[in-house]
Amino acid sequence: MERGRFGDVVVGAAGDVAGSVVDPKAGLGRLRSVVTARGLVTLTAGALLGYFAARSIRRS
């Protein structure tokens, strides 16, 4: 991803979050249209890996 495009994505995401606070129903609809099964699996796997990594570091 280009560096200039990353800023646009961040600003767009912040706008979507702000819009979701004002109109939660429209925000959830927009979120459902963006989230794919592959993205959800990737996010879940990343969260689990982060959890286990933090847990192992904390026990050390």
N, C-alpha and C. Protein backbone atom coordinates (compact mmCIF):
# COMPACT_ATOMS: atom_id res chain seq x y z
N MET A 1 0.85 -1.17 0.00
CA MET A 1 0.00 0.00 0.00
C MET A 1 0.89 1.23 0.00
N GLU A 2 0.52 2.18 -0.81
CA GLU A 2 1.30 3.42 -0.86
C GLU A 2 1.14 4.20 0.43
N ARG A 3 2.15 4.96 0.74
CA ARG A 3 2.13 5.71 2.00
C ARG A 3 1.04 6.77 2.02
N GLY A 4 0.81 7.46 0.92
CA GLY A 4 -0.24 8.48 0.85
C GLY A 4 -1.63 7.87 0.94
N ARG A 5 -1.78 6.71 0.37
CA ARG A 5 -3.07 6.02 0.41
C ARG A 5 -3.40 5.54 1.83
N PHE A 6 -2.38 5.20 2.61
CA PHE A 6 -2.61 4.73 3.99
C PHE A 6 -3.28 5.83 4.81
N GLY A 7 -2.85 7.07 4.64
CA GLY A 7 -3.46 8.19 5.36
C GLY A 7 -4.93 8.34 5.01
N ASP A 8 -5.25 8.15 3.72
CA ASP A 8 -6.65 8.23 3.29
C ASP A 8 -7.49 7.14 3.93
N VAL A 9 -6.91 5.96 4.03
CA VAL A 9 -7.64 4.84 4.64
C VAL A 9 -7.89 5.11 6.12
N VAL A 10 -6.88 5.64 6.82
CA VAL A 10 -7.03 5.93 8.25
C VAL A 10 -8.09 6.99 8.48
N VAL A 11 -8.06 8.04 7.67
CA VAL A 11 -9.05 9.11 7.82
C VAL A 11 -10.45 8.60 7.50
N GLY A 12 -10.55 7.76 6.48
CA GLY A 12 -11.85 7.17 6.14
C GLY A 12 -12.39 6.29 7.25
N ALA A 13 -11.50 5.50 7.85
CA ALA A 13 -11.92 4.63 8.95
C ALA A 13 -12.37 5.45 10.15
N ALA A 14 -11.65 6.52 10.45
CA ALA A 14 -12.04 7.39 11.57
C ALA A 14 -13.40 8.02 11.30
N GLY A 15 -13.65 8.41 10.08
CA GLY A 15 -14.95 8.97 9.71
C GLY A 15 -16.06 7.94 9.84
N ASP A 16 -15.77 6.71 9.45
CA ASP A 16 -16.77 5.65 9.59
C ASP A 16 -17.10 5.37 11.05
N VAL A 17 -16.09 5.40 11.90
CA VAL A 17 -16.32 5.18 13.34
C VAL A 17 -17.17 6.31 13.90
N ALA A 18 -16.84 7.55 13.53
CA ALA A 18 -17.63 8.69 14.02
C ALA A 18 -19.07 8.61 13.52
N GLY A 19 -19.25 8.21 12.27
CA GLY A 19 -20.60 8.05 11.73
C GLY A 19 -21.37 6.94 12.42
N SER A 20 -20.67 5.89 12.82
CA SER A 20 -21.31 4.78 13.51
C SER A 20 -21.82 5.19 14.88
N VAL A 21 -21.14 6.13 15.51
CA VAL A 21 -21.58 6.62 16.82
C VAL A 21 -22.89 7.40 16.65
N VAL A 22 -22.96 8.18 15.58
CA VAL A 22 -24.16 8.99 15.34
C VAL A 22 -25.33 8.12 14.87
N ASP A 23 -25.06 7.18 13.95
CA ASP A 23 -26.10 6.32 13.40
C ASP A 23 -25.63 4.87 13.43
N PRO A 24 -25.82 4.17 14.55
CA PRO A 24 -25.30 2.81 14.70
C PRO A 24 -25.84 1.82 13.66
N LYS A 25 -27.10 1.96 13.26
CA LYS A 25 -27.68 1.02 12.31
C LYS A 25 -26.97 1.10 10.96
N ALA A 26 -26.72 2.29 10.48
CA ALA A 26 -26.01 2.47 9.21
C ALA A 26 -24.56 2.03 9.34
N GLY A 27 -23.95 2.27 10.49
CA GLY A 27 -22.56 1.87 10.71
C GLY A 27 -22.40 0.36 10.70
N LEU A 28 -23.33 -0.37 11.31
CA LEU A 28 -23.28 -1.83 11.30
C LEU A 28 -23.50 -2.39 9.89
N GLY A 29 -24.37 -1.75 9.15
CA GLY A 29 -24.59 -2.18 7.76
C GLY A 29 -23.34 -1.98 6.91
N ARG A 30 -22.66 -0.88 7.11
CA ARG A 30 -21.42 -0.61 6.38
C ARG A 30 -20.33 -1.59 6.79
N LEU A 31 -20.28 -1.91 8.07
CA LEU A 31 -19.29 -2.87 8.56
C LEU A 31 -19.54 -4.26 7.99
N ARG A 32 -20.79 -4.68 7.94
CA ARG A 32 -21.12 -5.99 7.38
C ARG A 32 -20.75 -6.09 5.91
N SER A 33 -20.87 -5.00 5.17
CA SER A 33 -20.54 -5.04 3.75
C SER A 33 -19.04 -5.09 3.52
N VAL A 34 -18.25 -4.64 4.47
CA VAL A 34 -16.80 -4.61 4.30
C VAL A 34 -16.14 -5.89 4.79
N VAL A 35 -16.64 -6.45 5.87
CA VAL A 35 -16.02 -7.62 6.49
C VAL A 35 -16.31 -8.87 5.65
N THR A 36 -15.24 -9.60 5.34
CA THR A 36 -15.38 -10.86 4.61
C THR A 36 -15.04 -12.00 5.56
N ALA A 37 -15.36 -13.21 5.15
CA ALA A 37 -15.04 -14.38 5.98
C ALA A 37 -13.53 -14.51 6.16
N ARG A 38 -12.78 -14.27 5.10
CA ARG A 38 -11.32 -14.37 5.19
C ARG A 38 -10.76 -13.32 6.15
N GLY A 39 -11.28 -12.12 6.09
CA GLY A 39 -10.82 -11.07 6.99
C GLY A 39 -11.16 -11.38 8.45
N LEU A 40 -12.31 -11.95 8.67
CA LEU A 40 -12.72 -12.31 10.03
C LEU A 40 -11.84 -13.41 10.59
N VAL A 41 -11.52 -14.41 9.76
CA VAL A 41 -10.65 -15.49 10.21
C VAL A 41 -9.25 -14.95 10.50
N THR A 42 -8.76 -14.08 9.64
CA THR A 42 -7.43 -13.48 9.84
C THR A 42 -7.39 -12.66 11.12
N LEU A 43 -8.41 -11.87 11.36
CA LEU A 43 -8.48 -11.06 12.58
C LEU A 43 -8.54 -11.93 13.83
N THR A 44 -9.33 -12.99 13.78
CA THR A 44 -9.44 -13.89 14.92
C THR A 44 -8.12 -14.61 15.20
N ALA A 45 -7.47 -15.08 14.13
CA ALA A 45 -6.18 -15.76 14.29
C ALA A 45 -5.13 -14.81 14.87
N GLY A 46 -5.12 -13.57 14.39
CA GLY A 46 -4.17 -12.59 14.91
C GLY A 46 -4.42 -12.28 16.38
N ALA A 47 -5.69 -12.17 16.74
CA ALA A 47 -6.01 -11.90 18.14
C ALA A 47 -5.59 -13.05 19.05
N LEU A 48 -5.82 -14.28 18.60
CA LEU A 48 -5.41 -15.44 19.39
C LEU A 48 -3.89 -15.52 19.51
N LEU A 49 -3.19 -15.31 18.42
CA LEU A 49 -1.72 -15.33 18.48
C LEU A 49 -1.19 -14.25 19.42
N GLY A 50 -1.77 -13.07 19.35
CA GLY A 50 -1.36 -11.99 20.25
C GLY A 50 -1.63 -12.33 21.70
N TYR A 51 -2.77 -12.94 21.96
CA TYR A 51 -3.12 -13.34 23.32
C TYR A 51 -2.12 -14.34 23.88
N PHE A 52 -1.84 -15.38 23.09
CA PHE A 52 -0.91 -16.40 23.56
C PHE A 52 0.52 -15.87 23.69
N ALA A 53 0.93 -14.97 22.81
CA ALA A 53 2.26 -14.38 22.91
C ALA A 53 2.36 -13.53 24.17
N ALA A 54 1.35 -12.73 24.44
CA ALA A 54 1.37 -11.88 25.65
C ALA A 54 1.32 -12.74 26.91
N ARG A 55 0.58 -13.81 26.85
CA ARG A 55 0.46 -14.70 28.01
C ARG A 55 1.81 -15.37 28.31
N SER A 56 2.51 -15.81 27.26
CA SER A 56 3.79 -16.47 27.48
C SER A 56 4.84 -15.49 27.97
N ILE A 57 4.80 -14.25 27.49
CA ILE A 57 5.75 -13.23 27.96
C ILE A 57 5.48 -12.88 29.41
N ARG A 58 4.21 -12.81 29.79
CA ARG A 58 3.86 -12.45 31.16
C ARG A 58 4.29 -13.52 32.16
N ARG A 59 4.24 -14.78 31.76
CA ARG A 59 4.62 -15.87 32.65
C ARG A 59 6.13 -15.97 32.83
N SER A 60 6.89 -15.41 31.91
CA SER A 60 8.35 -15.51 31.98
C SER A 60 8.93 -14.70 33.12
